[in-house]
C-alpha atoms as a PDB file:
ATOM      1  CA  MET A   1     -28.745-149.538 157.767  1.00  0.00           C
ATOM      2  CA  PHE A   2     -32.085-150.174 156.416  1.00  0.00           C
ATOM      3  CA  LEU A   3     -32.991-147.961 153.345  1.00  0.00           C
ATOM      4  CA  GLY A   4     -36.195-147.395 151.387  1.00  0.00           C
ATOM      5  CA  HIS A   5     -39.530-148.787 151.136  1.00  0.00           C
ATOM      6  CA  TYR A   6     -40.842-152.138 149.959  1.00  0.00           C
ATOM      7  CA  TYR A   7     -44.207-153.988 149.302  1.00  0.00           C
ATOM      8  CA  HIS A   8     -44.563-157.056 149.996  1.00  0.00           C
ATOM      9  CA  THR A   9     -47.767-159.618 150.466  1.00  0.00           C
ATOM     10  CA  ILE A  10     -48.163-162.282 153.447  1.00  0.00           C
ATOM     11  CA  ASP A  11     -48.561-165.609 152.545  1.00  0.00           C
ATOM     12  CA  GLU A  12     -51.233-168.272 154.106  1.00  0.00           C
ATOM     13  CA  LYS A  13     -48.763-169.229 156.495  1.00  0.00           C
ATOM     14  CA  ASN A  14     -48.078-165.368 157.730  1.00  0.00           C
ATOM     15  CA  ARG A  15     -44.553-165.701 155.993  1.00  0.00           C
ATOM     16  CA  VAL A  16     -43.525-162.582 154.261  1.00  0.00           C
ATOM     17  CA  VAL A  17     -40.180-161.969 152.296  1.00  0.00           C
ATOM     18  CA  ILE A  18     -37.703-159.474 153.937  1.00  0.00           C
ATOM     19  CA  PRO A  19     -36.600-156.805 151.380  1.00  0.00           C
ATOM     20  CA  SER A  20     -33.380-158.385 149.567  1.00  0.00           C
ATOM     21  CA  SER A  21     -31.395-155.100 150.427  1.00  0.00           C
ATOM     22  CA  PHE A  22     -32.540-155.540 154.027  1.00  0.00           C
ATOM     23  CA  ARG A  23     -31.095-158.931 154.122  1.00  0.00           C
ATOM     24  CA  GLY A  24     -27.623-157.763 152.839  1.00  0.00           C
ATOM     25  CA  GLU A  25     -27.856-156.115 156.321  1.00  0.00           C
ATOM     26  CA  ILE A  26     -28.671-158.880 158.691  1.00  0.00           C
ATOM     27  CA  SER A  27     -26.043-162.141 159.555  1.00  0.00           C
ATOM     28  CA  GLY A  28     -28.600-164.299 161.862  1.00  0.00           C
ATOM     29  CA  LYS A  29     -31.579-164.362 163.360  1.00  0.00           C
ATOM     30  CA  VAL A  30     -34.038-160.891 163.604  1.00  0.00           C
ATOM     31  CA  TYR A  31     -35.846-159.691 166.438  1.00  0.00           C
ATOM     32  CA  LEU A  32     -39.263-158.229 165.854  1.00  0.00           C
ATOM     33  CA  THR A  33     -41.072-156.082 168.358  1.00  0.00           C
ATOM     34  CA  GLN A  34     -44.005-153.782 168.407  1.00  0.00           C
ATOM     35  CA  GLY A  35     -43.178-150.214 167.566  1.00  0.00           C
ATOM     36  CA  MET A  36     -44.616-147.119 167.393  1.00  0.00           C
ATOM     37  CA  GLU A  37     -47.695-146.017 165.398  1.00  0.00           C
ATOM     38  CA  LYS A  38     -48.811-149.585 164.637  1.00  0.00           C
ATOM     39  CA  CYS A  39     -45.784-150.337 163.406  1.00  0.00           C
ATOM     40  CA  ILE A  40     -43.423-153.434 163.528  1.00  0.00           C
ATOM     41  CA  PHE A  41     -39.736-152.848 164.607  1.00  0.00           C
ATOM     42  CA  LEU A  42     -37.373-155.429 163.281  1.00  0.00           C
ATOM     43  CA  TYR A  43     -33.842-155.666 164.605  1.00  0.00           C
ATOM     44  CA  PRO A  44     -31.076-157.625 163.079  1.00  0.00           C
ATOM     45  CA  GLU A  45     -29.298-159.789 166.313  1.00  0.00           C
ATOM     46  CA  GLU A  46     -26.695-157.679 166.779  1.00  0.00           C
ATOM     47  CA  VAL A  47     -28.217-154.178 166.710  1.00  0.00           C
ATOM     48  CA  TRP A  48     -31.060-156.107 168.941  1.00  0.00           C
ATOM     49  CA  ASN A  49     -28.396-157.153 171.205  1.00  0.00           C
ATOM     50  CA  ARG A  50     -26.655-153.666 172.014  1.00  0.00           C
ATOM     51  CA  PHE A  51     -30.189-152.016 172.021  1.00  0.00           C
ATOM     52  CA  TYR A  52     -30.936-154.509 174.781  1.00  0.00           C
ATOM     53  CA  GLN A  53     -27.996-153.925 176.445  1.00  0.00           C
ATOM     54  CA  LYS A  54     -29.202-150.340 176.766  1.00  0.00           C
ATOM     55  CA  ILE A  55     -32.517-150.869 177.611  1.00  0.00           C
ATOM     56  CA  THR A  56     -31.571-152.915 180.441  1.00  0.00           C
ATOM     57  CA  THR A  57     -28.913-150.579 182.162  1.00  0.00           C
ATOM     58  CA  LEU A  58     -31.907-147.899 182.235  1.00  0.00           C
ATOM     59  CA  SER A  59     -33.019-146.932 185.926  1.00  0.00           C
ATOM     60  CA  LEU A  60     -36.316-148.813 186.679  1.00  0.00           C
ATOM     61  CA  THR A  61     -37.437-146.329 189.319  1.00  0.00           C
ATOM     62  CA  ARG A  62     -38.734-144.192 186.588  1.00  0.00           C
ATOM     63  CA  LYS A  63     -42.224-145.311 185.387  1.00  0.00           C
ATOM     64  CA  GLU A  64     -41.687-143.914 182.025  1.00  0.00           C
ATOM     65  CA  THR A  65     -38.706-146.496 181.507  1.00  0.00           C
ATOM     66  CA  ARG A  66     -40.595-149.431 182.801  1.00  0.00           C
ATOM     67  CA  GLU A  67     -43.564-148.649 180.361  1.00  0.00           C
ATOM     68  CA  PHE A  68     -40.729-148.615 177.689  1.00  0.00           C
ATOM     69  CA  SER A  69     -39.108-151.695 178.555  1.00  0.00           C
ATOM     70  CA  ARG A  70     -42.080-153.515 178.909  1.00  0.00           C
ATOM     71  CA  PHE A  71     -43.430-151.950 175.512  1.00  0.00           C
ATOM     72  CA  PHE A  72     -40.171-153.441 173.493  1.00  0.00           C
ATOM     73  CA  LEU A  73     -39.204-156.576 175.571  1.00  0.00           C
ATOM     74  CA  ALA A  74     -42.612-157.789 176.457  1.00  0.00           C
ATOM     75  CA  ASN A  75     -43.601-158.028 172.907  1.00  0.00           C
ATOM     76  CA  ALA A  76     -40.538-158.860 171.270  1.00  0.00           C
ATOM     77  CA  THR A  77     -39.567-162.188 169.204  1.00  0.00           C
ATOM     78  CA  CYS A  78     -36.974-163.917 168.066  1.00  0.00           C
ATOM     79  CA  LEU A  79     -37.041-165.358 164.295  1.00  0.00           C
ATOM     80  CA  ASP A  80     -34.872-167.023 162.087  1.00  0.00           C
ATOM     81  CA  ILE A  81     -34.924-166.403 158.320  1.00  0.00           C
ATOM     82  CA  ASP A  82     -35.776-169.306 156.092  1.00  0.00           C
ATOM     83  CA  GLY A  83     -33.688-170.083 152.797  1.00  0.00           C
ATOM     84  CA  GLN A  84     -36.163-167.807 150.780  1.00  0.00           C
ATOM     85  CA  GLY A  85     -35.827-164.715 152.935  1.00  0.00           C
ATOM     86  CA  ARG A  86     -39.082-164.926 154.739  1.00  0.00           C
ATOM     87  CA  ILE A  87     -40.032-164.939 158.322  1.00  0.00           C
ATOM     88  CA  VAL A  88     -43.333-166.137 159.848  1.00  0.00           C
ATOM     89  CA  LEU A  89     -45.095-162.790 161.332  1.00  0.00           C
ATOM     90  CA  PRO A  90     -46.385-163.962 164.572  1.00  0.00           C
ATOM     91  CA  ASP A  91     -50.464-163.428 164.910  1.00  0.00           C
ATOM     92  CA  TYR A  92     -50.028-160.877 167.989  1.00  0.00           C
ATOM     93  CA  LEU A  93     -47.512-158.881 165.897  1.00  0.00           C
ATOM     94  CA  LYS A  94     -49.960-158.820 162.862  1.00  0.00           C
ATOM     95  CA  ASN A  95     -52.751-157.869 164.852  1.00  0.00           C
ATOM     96  CA  TYR A  96     -50.923-155.113 166.485  1.00  0.00           C
ATOM     97  CA  ALA A  97     -50.098-154.008 163.138  1.00  0.00           C
ATOM     98  CA  GLU A  98     -53.479-154.449 161.616  1.00  0.00           C
ATOM     99  CA  ILE A  99     -52.161-156.314 158.752  1.00  0.00           C
ATOM    100  CA  ASN A 100     -54.142-158.280 156.843  1.00  0.00           C
ATOM    101  CA  ARG A 101     -52.338-159.318 153.524  1.00  0.00           C
ATOM    102  CA  GLN A 102     -49.911-156.131 152.527  1.00  0.00           C
ATOM    103  CA  VAL A 103     -46.930-155.110 154.104  1.00  0.00           C
ATOM    104  CA  VAL A 104     -44.719-152.123 153.630  1.00  0.00           C
ATOM    105  CA  TRP A 105     -41.379-152.241 154.837  1.00  0.00           C
ATOM    106  CA  VAL A 106     -39.728-149.043 155.699  1.00  0.00           C
ATOM    107  CA  GLY A 107     -36.004-148.127 156.114  1.00  0.00           C
END
């Protein structure tokens, strides 16, 4: 579980450090996707896999379900964390969240 809030800066290569307390909850890759209210959601791989399985079992006959699935899945990306605890934030997510230099991580 991610707790707290942390401030970090994106470097010129769109790399941002994941807070060390968050990294302690992550083993492997992370998934980023568009969240609500111009936020970006980060999921550890094992959490994303459970979330993905739940989404894919929802009935696609409902318009709301299709829209929800598209919103989360079409904009998702899988990323590796480098040796310094950073990820490269894709431009489309950076633009969606209107991020310039400052990032606030919220648990």
